[in-house]
C-alpha atoms as a PDB file:
ATOM      1  CA  MET A   1     -21.259  18.450  17.725  1.00  0.00           C
ATOM      2  CA  SER A   2     -22.543  15.771  20.006  1.00  0.00           C
ATOM      3  CA  ASN A   3     -22.320  12.799  17.703  1.00  0.00           C
ATOM      4  CA  SER A   4     -21.525  11.705  14.204  1.00  0.00           C
ATOM      5  CA  SER A   5     -25.111  12.169  12.983  1.00  0.00           C
ATOM      6  CA  SER A   6     -24.716  15.959  13.257  1.00  0.00           C
ATOM      7  CA  ILE A   7     -21.578  15.954  11.086  1.00  0.00           C
ATOM      8  CA  SER A   8     -22.325  16.451   7.406  1.00  0.00           C
ATOM      9  CA  HIS A   9     -18.725  16.899   6.298  1.00  0.00           C
ATOM     10  CA  PHE A  10     -15.119  16.778   7.452  1.00  0.00           C
ATOM     11  CA  LEU A  11     -12.389  19.364   7.029  1.00  0.00           C
ATOM     12  CA  LEU A  12      -9.248  17.933   5.447  1.00  0.00           C
ATOM     13  CA  LEU A  13      -5.790  19.327   6.065  1.00  0.00           C
ATOM     14  CA  ALA A  14      -4.714  21.780   3.381  1.00  0.00           C
ATOM     15  CA  LEU A  15      -1.419  20.949   1.692  1.00  0.00           C
ATOM     16  CA  ALA A  16      -0.435  24.632   1.673  1.00  0.00           C
ATOM     17  CA  ASP A  17      -1.603  27.971   3.038  1.00  0.00           C
ATOM     18  CA  THR A  18      -0.951  30.241   0.062  1.00  0.00           C
ATOM     19  CA  ARG A  19      -2.613  30.072  -3.340  1.00  0.00           C
ATOM     20  CA  GLN A  20       0.701  29.776  -5.184  1.00  0.00           C
ATOM     21  CA  LEU A  21       1.785  26.775  -3.099  1.00  0.00           C
ATOM     22  CA  GLN A  22      -1.623  25.161  -3.517  1.00  0.00           C
ATOM     23  CA  LEU A  23      -1.281  25.336  -7.294  1.00  0.00           C
ATOM     24  CA  LEU A  24       2.280  24.021  -7.012  1.00  0.00           C
ATOM     25  CA  HIS A  25       1.088  21.054  -4.965  1.00  0.00           C
ATOM     26  CA  PHE A  26      -1.658  20.440  -7.531  1.00  0.00           C
ATOM     27  CA  CYS A  27       0.933  20.280 -10.303  1.00  0.00           C
ATOM     28  CA  LEU A  28       3.200  17.984  -8.257  1.00  0.00           C
ATOM     29  CA  LEU A  29       0.338  15.611  -7.419  1.00  0.00           C
ATOM     30  CA  LEU A  30      -0.731  15.618 -11.047  1.00  0.00           C
ATOM     31  CA  GLY A  31       2.784  14.794 -12.248  1.00  0.00           C
ATOM     32  CA  ILE A  32       3.281  12.014  -9.693  1.00  0.00           C
ATOM     33  CA  SER A  33      -0.159  10.554 -10.429  1.00  0.00           C
ATOM     34  CA  LEU A  34       0.473  10.523 -14.175  1.00  0.00           C
ATOM     35  CA  ALA A  35       3.848   8.844 -13.623  1.00  0.00           C
ATOM     36  CA  ALA A  36       2.227   6.210 -11.395  1.00  0.00           C
ATOM     37  CA  LEU A  37      -0.595   5.634 -13.880  1.00  0.00           C
ATOM     38  CA  LEU A  38       1.903   5.279 -16.721  1.00  0.00           C
ATOM     39  CA  GLY A  39       4.266   2.932 -14.871  1.00  0.00           C
ATOM     40  CA  ASN A  40       1.627   0.668 -13.380  1.00  0.00           C
ATOM     41  CA  GLY A  41      -0.463   0.849 -16.548  1.00  0.00           C
ATOM     42  CA  LEU A  42       2.487  -0.380 -18.615  1.00  0.00           C
ATOM     43  CA  ILE A  43       2.922  -3.329 -16.245  1.00  0.00           C
ATOM     44  CA  ILE A  44      -0.750  -4.247 -16.561  1.00  0.00           C
ATOM     45  CA  SER A  45      -0.695  -3.830 -20.353  1.00  0.00           C
ATOM     46  CA  ALA A  46       2.466  -5.910 -20.696  1.00  0.00           C
ATOM     47  CA  GLY A  47       0.959  -8.683 -18.612  1.00  0.00           C
ATOM     48  CA  ALA A  48      -2.258  -8.645 -20.621  1.00  0.00           C
ATOM     49  CA  CYS A  49      -0.578  -8.614 -24.044  1.00  0.00           C
ATOM     50  CA  GLY A  50       2.635 -10.589 -23.488  1.00  0.00           C
ATOM     51  CA  HIS A  51       1.921 -14.308 -23.280  1.00  0.00           C
ATOM     52  CA  HIS A  52       5.559 -15.007 -22.378  1.00  0.00           C
ATOM     53  CA  LEU A  53       4.985 -12.982 -19.200  1.00  0.00           C
ATOM     54  CA  HIS A  54       2.231 -15.247 -17.910  1.00  0.00           C
ATOM     55  CA  THR A  55       4.273 -16.411 -14.930  1.00  0.00           C
ATOM     56  CA  PRO A  56       3.293 -16.513 -11.256  1.00  0.00           C
ATOM     57  CA  MET A  57       5.566 -13.602 -10.313  1.00  0.00           C
ATOM     58  CA  PHE A  58       4.217 -11.395 -13.081  1.00  0.00           C
ATOM     59  CA  PHE A  59       0.647 -12.379 -12.168  1.00  0.00           C
ATOM     60  CA  PHE A  60       1.254 -11.189  -8.628  1.00  0.00           C
ATOM     61  CA  LEU A  61       3.018  -8.091  -9.973  1.00  0.00           C
ATOM     62  CA  LEU A  62      -0.170  -7.274 -11.888  1.00  0.00           C
ATOM     63  CA  ASN A  63      -2.116  -7.465  -8.623  1.00  0.00           C
ATOM     64  CA  LEU A  64       0.474  -5.224  -6.991  1.00  0.00           C
ATOM     65  CA  ALA A  65       0.154  -2.707  -9.837  1.00  0.00           C
ATOM     66  CA  LEU A  66      -3.636  -2.680  -9.410  1.00  0.00           C
ATOM     67  CA  SER A  67      -3.175  -2.040  -5.701  1.00  0.00           C
ATOM     68  CA  HIS A  68      -0.801   0.850  -6.431  1.00  0.00           C
ATOM     69  CA  LEU A  69      -3.201   2.392  -8.934  1.00  0.00           C
ATOM     70  CA  GLY A  70      -6.051   2.200  -6.447  1.00  0.00           C
ATOM     71  CA  SER A  71      -4.053   3.614  -3.550  1.00  0.00           C
ATOM     72  CA  ILE A  72      -3.233   6.691  -5.667  1.00  0.00           C
ATOM     73  CA  CYS A  73      -6.619   7.121  -7.343  1.00  0.00           C
ATOM     74  CA  THR A  74      -8.468   7.049  -4.015  1.00  0.00           C
ATOM     75  CA  PRO A  75      -6.990   9.985  -2.015  1.00  0.00           C
ATOM     76  CA  VAL A  76      -5.182  12.016  -4.689  1.00  0.00           C
ATOM     77  CA  PRO A  77      -8.102  13.256  -6.867  1.00  0.00           C
ATOM     78  CA  LYS A  78      -9.825  14.817  -3.854  1.00  0.00           C
ATOM     79  CA  ALA A  79      -6.550  16.381  -2.673  1.00  0.00           C
ATOM     80  CA  MET A  80      -5.972  17.801  -6.160  1.00  0.00           C
ATOM     81  CA  HIS A  81      -9.536  19.133  -6.265  1.00  0.00           C
ATOM     82  CA  ASN A  82      -9.108  20.835  -2.908  1.00  0.00           C
ATOM     83  CA  SER A  83      -5.791  22.394  -3.940  1.00  0.00           C
ATOM     84  CA  LEU A  84      -7.161  23.621  -7.269  1.00  0.00           C
ATOM     85  CA  TRP A  85     -10.387  25.080  -5.914  1.00  0.00           C
ATOM     86  CA  ASP A  86      -9.002  26.237  -2.547  1.00  0.00           C
ATOM     87  CA  THR A  87     -11.351  24.142  -0.424  1.00  0.00           C
ATOM     88  CA  SER A  88     -10.853  21.527   2.278  1.00  0.00           C
ATOM     89  CA  THR A  89     -14.215  19.839   2.773  1.00  0.00           C
ATOM     90  CA  ILE A  90     -15.263  16.254   2.106  1.00  0.00           C
ATOM     91  CA  PRO A  91     -18.792  14.900   2.739  1.00  0.00           C
ATOM     92  CA  TYR A  92     -19.312  12.479   5.597  1.00  0.00           C
ATOM     93  CA  SER A  93     -20.359   9.731   3.187  1.00  0.00           C
ATOM     94  CA  GLY A  94     -17.464  10.614   0.870  1.00  0.00           C
ATOM     95  CA  CYS A  95     -15.019  10.253   3.746  1.00  0.00           C
ATOM     96  CA  ALA A  96     -16.425   6.818   4.607  1.00  0.00           C
ATOM     97  CA  ALA A  97     -16.218   5.742   0.952  1.00  0.00           C
ATOM     98  CA  GLN A  98     -12.648   7.044   0.647  1.00  0.00           C
ATOM     99  CA  LEU A  99     -11.551   5.180   3.776  1.00  0.00           C
ATOM    100  CA  PHE A 100     -13.175   1.939   2.632  1.00  0.00           C
ATOM    101  CA  LEU A 101     -11.705   2.096  -0.878  1.00  0.00           C
ATOM    102  CA  PHE A 102      -8.237   3.010   0.391  1.00  0.00           C
ATOM    103  CA  LEU A 103      -8.203   0.094   2.844  1.00  0.00           C
ATOM    104  CA  PHE A 104      -9.666  -2.334   0.314  1.00  0.00           C
ATOM    105  CA  ILE A 105      -7.383  -1.450  -2.555  1.00  0.00           C
ATOM    106  CA  SER A 106      -4.353  -1.386  -0.271  1.00  0.00           C
ATOM    107  CA  ALA A 107      -3.847  -5.141  -0.348  1.00  0.00           C
ATOM    108  CA  GLU A 108      -0.201  -4.365  -1.008  1.00  0.00           C
ATOM    109  CA  PHE A 109       1.312  -6.074   2.023  1.00  0.00           C
ATOM    110  CA  SER A 110      -0.620  -9.296   1.385  1.00  0.00           C
ATOM    111  CA  VAL A 111       0.463  -9.356  -2.265  1.00  0.00           C
ATOM    112  CA  LEU A 112       4.072  -8.611  -1.297  1.00  0.00           C
ATOM    113  CA  THR A 113       3.960 -11.543   1.132  1.00  0.00           C
ATOM    114  CA  ILE A 114       2.746 -13.852  -1.642  1.00  0.00           C
ATOM    115  CA  MET A 115       5.460 -12.560  -3.995  1.00  0.00           C
ATOM    116  CA  CYS A 116       8.025 -13.317  -1.307  1.00  0.00           C
ATOM    117  CA  TYR A 117       6.718 -16.883  -1.162  1.00  0.00           C
ATOM    118  CA  ASP A 118       7.086 -17.094  -4.947  1.00  0.00           C
ATOM    119  CA  CYS A 119      10.762 -16.097  -4.719  1.00  0.00           C
ATOM    120  CA  TYR A 120      11.313 -18.559  -1.889  1.00  0.00           C
ATOM    121  CA  VAL A 121       9.806 -21.476  -3.829  1.00  0.00           C
ATOM    122  CA  SER A 122      11.607 -20.610  -7.089  1.00  0.00           C
ATOM    123  CA  ILE A 123      15.028 -20.587  -5.395  1.00  0.00           C
ATOM    124  CA  CYS A 124      14.666 -23.022  -2.504  1.00  0.00           C
ATOM    125  CA  LYS A 125      12.248 -25.536  -4.046  1.00  0.00           C
ATOM    126  CA  PRO A 126      12.641 -25.161  -7.833  1.00  0.00           C
ATOM    127  CA  LEU A 127      11.597 -28.768  -8.566  1.00  0.00           C
ATOM    128  CA  HIS A 128       8.238 -28.172  -6.855  1.00  0.00           C
ATOM    129  CA  TYR A 129       7.643 -24.724  -8.379  1.00  0.00           C
ATOM    130  CA  GLY A 130       5.030 -25.858 -10.892  1.00  0.00           C
ATOM    131  CA  THR A 131       3.158 -27.830  -8.228  1.00  0.00           C
ATOM    132  CA  LEU A 132       3.188 -25.237  -5.453  1.00  0.00           C
ATOM    133  CA  LEU A 133       2.534 -22.270  -7.747  1.00  0.00           C
ATOM    134  CA  GLY A 134       0.218 -23.562 -10.413  1.00  0.00           C
ATOM    135  CA  SER A 135      -2.377 -21.315 -12.012  1.00  0.00           C
ATOM    136  CA  ARG A 136      -5.100 -22.430  -9.615  1.00  0.00           C
ATOM    137  CA  ALA A 137      -2.884 -21.932  -6.544  1.00  0.00           C
ATOM    138  CA  CYS A 138      -1.906 -18.445  -7.741  1.00  0.00           C
ATOM    139  CA  ALA A 139      -5.540 -17.508  -8.331  1.00  0.00           C
ATOM    140  CA  HIS A 140      -6.512 -18.761  -4.869  1.00  0.00           C
ATOM    141  CA  MET A 141      -3.707 -16.812  -3.174  1.00  0.00           C
ATOM    142  CA  ALA A 142      -4.561 -13.612  -5.029  1.00  0.00           C
ATOM    143  CA  ALA A 143      -8.261 -14.055  -4.236  1.00  0.00           C
ATOM    144  CA  ALA A 144      -7.406 -14.605  -0.562  1.00  0.00           C
ATOM    145  CA  ALA A 145      -5.349 -11.395  -0.516  1.00  0.00           C
ATOM    146  CA  TRP A 146      -8.160  -9.305  -1.997  1.00  0.00           C
ATOM    147  CA  ALA A 147     -10.846 -10.994   0.107  1.00  0.00           C
ATOM    148  CA  SER A 148      -8.916 -10.315   3.307  1.00  0.00           C
ATOM    149  CA  ALA A 149      -8.418  -6.692   2.212  1.00  0.00           C
ATOM    150  CA  PHE A 150     -12.163  -6.352   1.545  1.00  0.00           C
ATOM    151  CA  LEU A 151     -13.109  -7.791   4.936  1.00  0.00           C
ATOM    152  CA  ASN A 152     -10.502  -5.623   6.657  1.00  0.00           C
ATOM    153  CA  ALA A 153     -11.808  -2.497   4.918  1.00  0.00           C
ATOM    154  CA  LEU A 154     -15.437  -3.348   5.678  1.00  0.00           C
ATOM    155  CA  MET A 155     -14.708  -4.074   9.331  1.00  0.00           C
ATOM    156  CA  HIS A 156     -12.650  -0.928   9.915  1.00  0.00           C
ATOM    157  CA  THR A 157     -14.999   1.388   8.025  1.00  0.00           C
ATOM    158  CA  ALA A 158     -18.147   0.120   9.711  1.00  0.00           C
ATOM    159  CA  ASN A 159     -16.515   0.221  13.134  1.00  0.00           C
ATOM    160  CA  THR A 160     -14.893   3.641  12.715  1.00  0.00           C
ATOM    161  CA  PHE A 161     -17.985   5.417  11.413  1.00  0.00           C
ATOM    162  CA  SER A 162     -20.237   3.872  14.053  1.00  0.00           C
ATOM    163  CA  LEU A 163     -18.304   5.729  16.741  1.00  0.00           C
ATOM    164  CA  PRO A 164     -19.812   8.918  18.194  1.00  0.00           C
ATOM    165  CA  LEU A 165     -17.756  11.954  17.188  1.00  0.00           C
ATOM    166  CA  CYS A 166     -17.725  14.877  19.582  1.00  0.00           C
ATOM    167  CA  GLN A 167     -14.362  16.563  18.987  1.00  0.00           C
ATOM    168  CA  GLY A 168     -15.300  18.597  15.927  1.00  0.00           C
ATOM    169  CA  ASN A 169     -14.865  17.663  12.279  1.00  0.00           C
ATOM    170  CA  ALA A 170     -11.330  18.817  11.414  1.00  0.00           C
ATOM    171  CA  LEU A 171      -9.038  15.977  10.300  1.00  0.00           C
ATOM    172  CA  GLY A 172      -5.304  16.577  10.608  1.00  0.00           C
ATOM    173  CA  GLN A 173      -4.677  14.747   7.330  1.00  0.00           C
ATOM    174  CA  PHE A 174      -5.192  15.416   3.606  1.00  0.00           C
ATOM    175  CA  PHE A 175      -7.374  12.309   3.253  1.00  0.00           C
ATOM    176  CA  CYS A 176      -9.628  10.277   5.549  1.00  0.00           C
ATOM    177  CA  GLU A 177      -7.531   8.000   7.742  1.00  0.00           C
ATOM    178  CA  ILE A 178      -8.503   5.967  10.797  1.00  0.00           C
ATOM    179  CA  PRO A 179      -6.103   7.454  13.425  1.00  0.00           C
ATOM    180  CA  HIS A 180      -7.245  10.999  12.660  1.00  0.00           C
ATOM    181  CA  ILE A 181     -10.930  10.066  12.745  1.00  0.00           C
ATOM    182  CA  LEU A 182     -10.411   8.343  16.099  1.00  0.00           C
ATOM    183  CA  LYS A 183      -9.066  11.608  17.502  1.00  0.00           C
ATOM    184  CA  LEU A 184     -12.524  13.092  16.947  1.00  0.00           C
ATOM    185  CA  SER A 185     -14.343  10.311  18.800  1.00  0.00           C
ATOM    186  CA  CYS A 186     -15.716  10.689  22.295  1.00  0.00           C
ATOM    187  CA  SER A 187     -13.735   9.558  25.314  1.00  0.00           C
ATOM    188  CA  LYS A 188     -13.264   5.762  25.488  1.00  0.00           C
ATOM    189  CA  SER A 189     -15.575   5.190  22.527  1.00  0.00           C
ATOM    190  CA  TYR A 190     -12.572   4.521  20.316  1.00  0.00           C
ATOM    191  CA  LEU A 191     -11.355   1.514  22.335  1.00  0.00           C
ATOM    192  CA  ARG A 192     -13.440  -0.878  20.227  1.00  0.00           C
ATOM    193  CA  GLU A 193     -11.685   0.246  17.048  1.00  0.00           C
ATOM    194  CA  HIS A 194      -8.320  -0.024  18.797  1.00  0.00           C
ATOM    195  CA  TRP A 195      -8.964  -3.731  19.352  1.00  0.00           C
ATOM    196  CA  VAL A 196      -9.709  -4.114  15.645  1.00  0.00           C
ATOM    197  CA  LEU A 197      -6.462  -2.301  14.882  1.00  0.00           C
ATOM    198  CA  VAL A 198      -4.625  -4.698  17.198  1.00  0.00           C
ATOM    199  CA  VAL A 199      -5.981  -7.675  15.234  1.00  0.00           C
ATOM    200  CA  THR A 200      -4.920  -6.082  11.939  1.00  0.00           C
ATOM    201  CA  ALA A 201      -1.483  -5.241  13.340  1.00  0.00           C
ATOM    202  CA  THR A 202      -1.065  -8.837  14.527  1.00  0.00           C
ATOM    203  CA  LEU A 203      -1.856 -10.215  11.085  1.00  0.00           C
ATOM    204  CA  SER A 204       0.539  -7.696   9.523  1.00  0.00           C
ATOM    205  CA  LEU A 205       3.218  -8.781  11.974  1.00  0.00           C
ATOM    206  CA  CYS A 206       2.696 -12.394  10.926  1.00  0.00           C
ATOM    207  CA  CYS A 207       3.198 -11.366   7.285  1.00  0.00           C
ATOM    208  CA  PHE A 208       6.366  -9.499   8.258  1.00  0.00           C
ATOM    209  CA  VAL A 209       7.761 -12.490  10.149  1.00  0.00           C
ATOM    210  CA  PHE A 210       6.962 -14.726   7.180  1.00  0.00           C
ATOM    211  CA  ILE A 211       8.781 -12.353   4.801  1.00  0.00           C
ATOM    212  CA  VAL A 212      11.863 -12.194   7.044  1.00  0.00           C
ATOM    213  CA  PHE A 213      11.951 -15.980   7.478  1.00  0.00           C
ATOM    214  CA  SER A 214      11.507 -16.540   3.727  1.00  0.00           C
ATOM    215  CA  TYR A 215      14.311 -14.159   2.836  1.00  0.00           C
ATOM    216  CA  VAL A 216      16.661 -15.720   5.364  1.00  0.00           C
ATOM    217  CA  GLN A 217      16.050 -19.129   3.797  1.00  0.00           C
ATOM    218  CA  THR A 218      16.279 -17.689   0.273  1.00  0.00           C
ATOM    219  CA  PHE A 219      19.599 -15.923   0.852  1.00  0.00           C
ATOM    220  CA  ARG A 220      21.038 -19.029   2.513  1.00  0.00           C
ATOM    221  CA  ALA A 221      20.096 -21.018  -0.585  1.00  0.00           C
ATOM    222  CA  VAL A 222      21.567 -18.368  -2.893  1.00  0.00           C
ATOM    223  CA  LEU A 223      24.886 -18.398  -1.044  1.00  0.00           C
ATOM    224  CA  ARG A 224      25.097 -22.160  -1.649  1.00  0.00           C
ATOM    225  CA  ILE A 225      24.930 -21.667  -5.430  1.00  0.00           C
ATOM    226  CA  PRO A 226      28.425 -22.576  -6.710  1.00  0.00           C
ATOM    227  CA  SER A 227      28.672 -20.089  -9.598  1.00  0.00           C
ATOM    228  CA  GLU A 228      28.985 -16.367  -9.009  1.00  0.00           C
ATOM    229  CA  GLN A 229      26.816 -15.675 -12.045  1.00  0.00           C
ATOM    230  CA  GLY A 230      24.046 -17.859 -10.606  1.00  0.00           C
ATOM    231  CA  GLN A 231      24.223 -16.027  -7.291  1.00  0.00           C
ATOM    232  CA  HIS A 232      24.087 -12.667  -9.052  1.00  0.00           C
ATOM    233  CA  LYS A 233      21.032 -13.676 -11.092  1.00  0.00           C
ATOM    234  CA  ALA A 234      19.225 -15.057  -8.032  1.00  0.00           C
ATOM    235  CA  PHE A 235      19.914 -11.907  -6.032  1.00  0.00           C
ATOM    236  CA  SER A 236      18.869  -9.677  -8.936  1.00  0.00           C
ATOM    237  CA  THR A 237      15.493 -11.347  -9.344  1.00  0.00           C
ATOM    238  CA  CYS A 238      14.459 -10.832  -5.718  1.00  0.00           C
ATOM    239  CA  LEU A 239      16.177  -7.551  -4.848  1.00  0.00           C
ATOM    240  CA  PRO A 240      13.450  -5.396  -6.498  1.00  0.00           C
ATOM    241  CA  HIS A 241      10.838  -7.112  -4.342  1.00  0.00           C
ATOM    242  CA  LEU A 242      12.971  -6.601  -1.249  1.00  0.00           C
ATOM    243  CA  ALA A 243      13.387  -2.920  -2.131  1.00  0.00           C
ATOM    244  CA  VAL A 244       9.614  -2.462  -2.494  1.00  0.00           C
ATOM    245  CA  VAL A 245       8.978  -4.213   0.832  1.00  0.00           C
ATOM    246  CA  SER A 246      11.596  -2.034   2.543  1.00  0.00           C
ATOM    247  CA  LEU A 247      10.093   1.138   1.063  1.00  0.00           C
ATOM    248  CA  PHE A 248       6.604   0.119   2.151  1.00  0.00           C
ATOM    249  CA  LEU A 249       7.640  -0.740   5.694  1.00  0.00           C
ATOM    250  CA  SER A 250       9.923   2.266   6.182  1.00  0.00           C
ATOM    251  CA  THR A 251       7.169   4.706   5.204  1.00  0.00           C
ATOM    252  CA  ALA A 252       3.818   3.225   6.250  1.00  0.00           C
ATOM    253  CA  VAL A 253       4.996   1.637   9.499  1.00  0.00           C
ATOM    254  CA  PHE A 254       7.057   4.625  10.617  1.00  0.00           C
ATOM    255  CA  ALA A 255       4.172   6.967   9.774  1.00  0.00           C
ATOM    256  CA  HIS A 256       1.898   5.142  12.237  1.00  0.00           C
ATOM    257  CA  LEU A 257       4.381   3.955  14.865  1.00  0.00           C
ATOM    258  CA  LYS A 258       6.761   6.907  15.157  1.00  0.00           C
ATOM    259  CA  PRO A 259       7.322   8.276  18.690  1.00  0.00           C
ATOM    260  CA  PRO A 260       4.887  11.064  19.652  1.00  0.00           C
ATOM    261  CA  SER A 261       7.849  13.210  20.703  1.00  0.00           C
ATOM    262  CA  ILE A 262       8.964  13.661  17.075  1.00  0.00           C
ATOM    263  CA  SER A 263       5.466  13.890  15.606  1.00  0.00           C
ATOM    264  CA  THR A 264       4.713  17.202  13.920  1.00  0.00           C
ATOM    265  CA  LEU A 265       2.040  18.273  11.473  1.00  0.00           C
ATOM    266  CA  SER A 266       4.559  18.739   8.675  1.00  0.00           C
ATOM    267  CA  LEU A 267       6.231  15.374   9.300  1.00  0.00           C
ATOM    268  CA  ASP A 268       2.895  13.548   9.438  1.00  0.00           C
ATOM    269  CA  LEU A 269       1.809  15.141   6.174  1.00  0.00           C
ATOM    270  CA  ALA A 270       5.119  14.386   4.443  1.00  0.00           C
ATOM    271  CA  LEU A 271       5.051  10.730   5.516  1.00  0.00           C
ATOM    272  CA  SER A 272       1.440  10.345   4.402  1.00  0.00           C
ATOM    273  CA  VAL A 273       2.219  11.752   0.961  1.00  0.00           C
ATOM    274  CA  LEU A 274       5.263   9.474   0.791  1.00  0.00           C
ATOM    275  CA  TYR A 275       3.492   6.176   1.487  1.00  0.00           C
ATOM    276  CA  SER A 276       0.155   6.937  -0.217  1.00  0.00           C
ATOM    277  CA  VAL A 277       1.376   8.806  -3.316  1.00  0.00           C
ATOM    278  CA  VAL A 278       5.132   8.674  -3.901  1.00  0.00           C
ATOM    279  CA  SER A 279       5.739   5.032  -2.984  1.00  0.00           C
ATOM    280  CA  PRO A 280       3.178   3.574  -5.460  1.00  0.00           C
ATOM    281  CA  ALA A 281       4.716   5.770  -8.155  1.00  0.00           C
ATOM    282  CA  LEU A 282       8.263   4.581  -7.414  1.00  0.00           C
ATOM    283  CA  ASN A 283       7.563   0.859  -7.299  1.00  0.00           C
ATOM    284  CA  PRO A 284       7.255   0.360 -11.104  1.00  0.00           C
ATOM    285  CA  LEU A 285      10.577   2.173 -11.474  1.00  0.00           C
ATOM    286  CA  ILE A 286      12.173  -0.108  -8.882  1.00  0.00           C
ATOM    287  CA  TYR A 287      11.016  -3.221 -10.745  1.00  0.00           C
ATOM    288  CA  SER A 288      12.263  -1.822 -14.054  1.00  0.00           C
ATOM    289  CA  LEU A 289      15.751  -1.078 -12.664  1.00  0.00           C
ATOM    290  CA  ARG A 290      16.788  -4.708 -12.571  1.00  0.00           C
ATOM    291  CA  ASN A 291      19.676  -6.547 -14.097  1.00  0.00           C
ATOM    292  CA  GLN A 292      18.924  -7.443 -17.699  1.00  0.00           C
ATOM    293  CA  SER A 293      19.859 -11.041 -17.161  1.00  0.00           C
ATOM    294  CA  SER A 294      17.435 -11.520 -14.313  1.00  0.00           C
ATOM    295  CA  GLY A 295      14.189 -10.831 -16.123  1.00  0.00           C
ATOM    296  CA  LEU A 296      11.116  -9.608 -14.259  1.00  0.00           C
ATOM    297  CA  GLN A 297      10.099 -12.800 -12.558  1.00  0.00           C
ATOM    298  CA  CYS A 298      11.727 -14.882  -9.909  1.00  0.00           C
ATOM    299  CA  GLY A 299      10.628 -18.117 -11.482  1.00  0.00           C
ATOM    300  CA  ASP A 300      12.948 -17.944 -14.487  1.00  0.00           C
END
């Protein structure tokens, strides 16, 4: 195959070799997907129906739930289809659409950064909370997060699928992902996409630094609260968010930045399933396992 125009489909990595294990993986993916749909769906329904939950933190939590739903609904149905029907193909156009949708809907890190800012303002600047996080400001921040995700997805998808592919059509992943598509590109033709990845990584690093700085300031403010009950409530409101951020970083970042010496096909597949399927399903559970006195929002 000399270039991408001669490729009509890609071969995805099978989750299992035997028919029994394929059906088992189908059932596991179905169960996890239903749990994620239920958990995130309940959050969205509660936010839509409960007027007392119309707070900035819950508004951003709704956006996070939408991101989690999208990140599961994009790669999982095709993986379940392949496991059920014992196939591994995906059309070239379907792969491009899957990559674009997965990158667009995965605005998770941007939303988590905004939620961190909400916790910081509610604890460190409570008197300015209504001014800094009014309804218009929240809408603008959420729109900026989704707009940046859309532009990022459009840029990466257009750049990745404009590269000539001459290393076959077998992807070492169960869904279309940029690093595995780049492995199929011709020598040196992937350098352009690497520069785009560097820009994205730089912006992600800025978000990470902002989150760390915000939490340092937040915890310093919490430790200055005179009552132990006040400290406990402040910690309880932001610990779920910190747990979700830690889970996201420990899975997604390690999956892409792990040393090549420990990289194996099984490990890569397990990490991909963890950050694209399991993590979005666990996040609603993490937010529900909070102290009853803290509520669901940091701005209480």
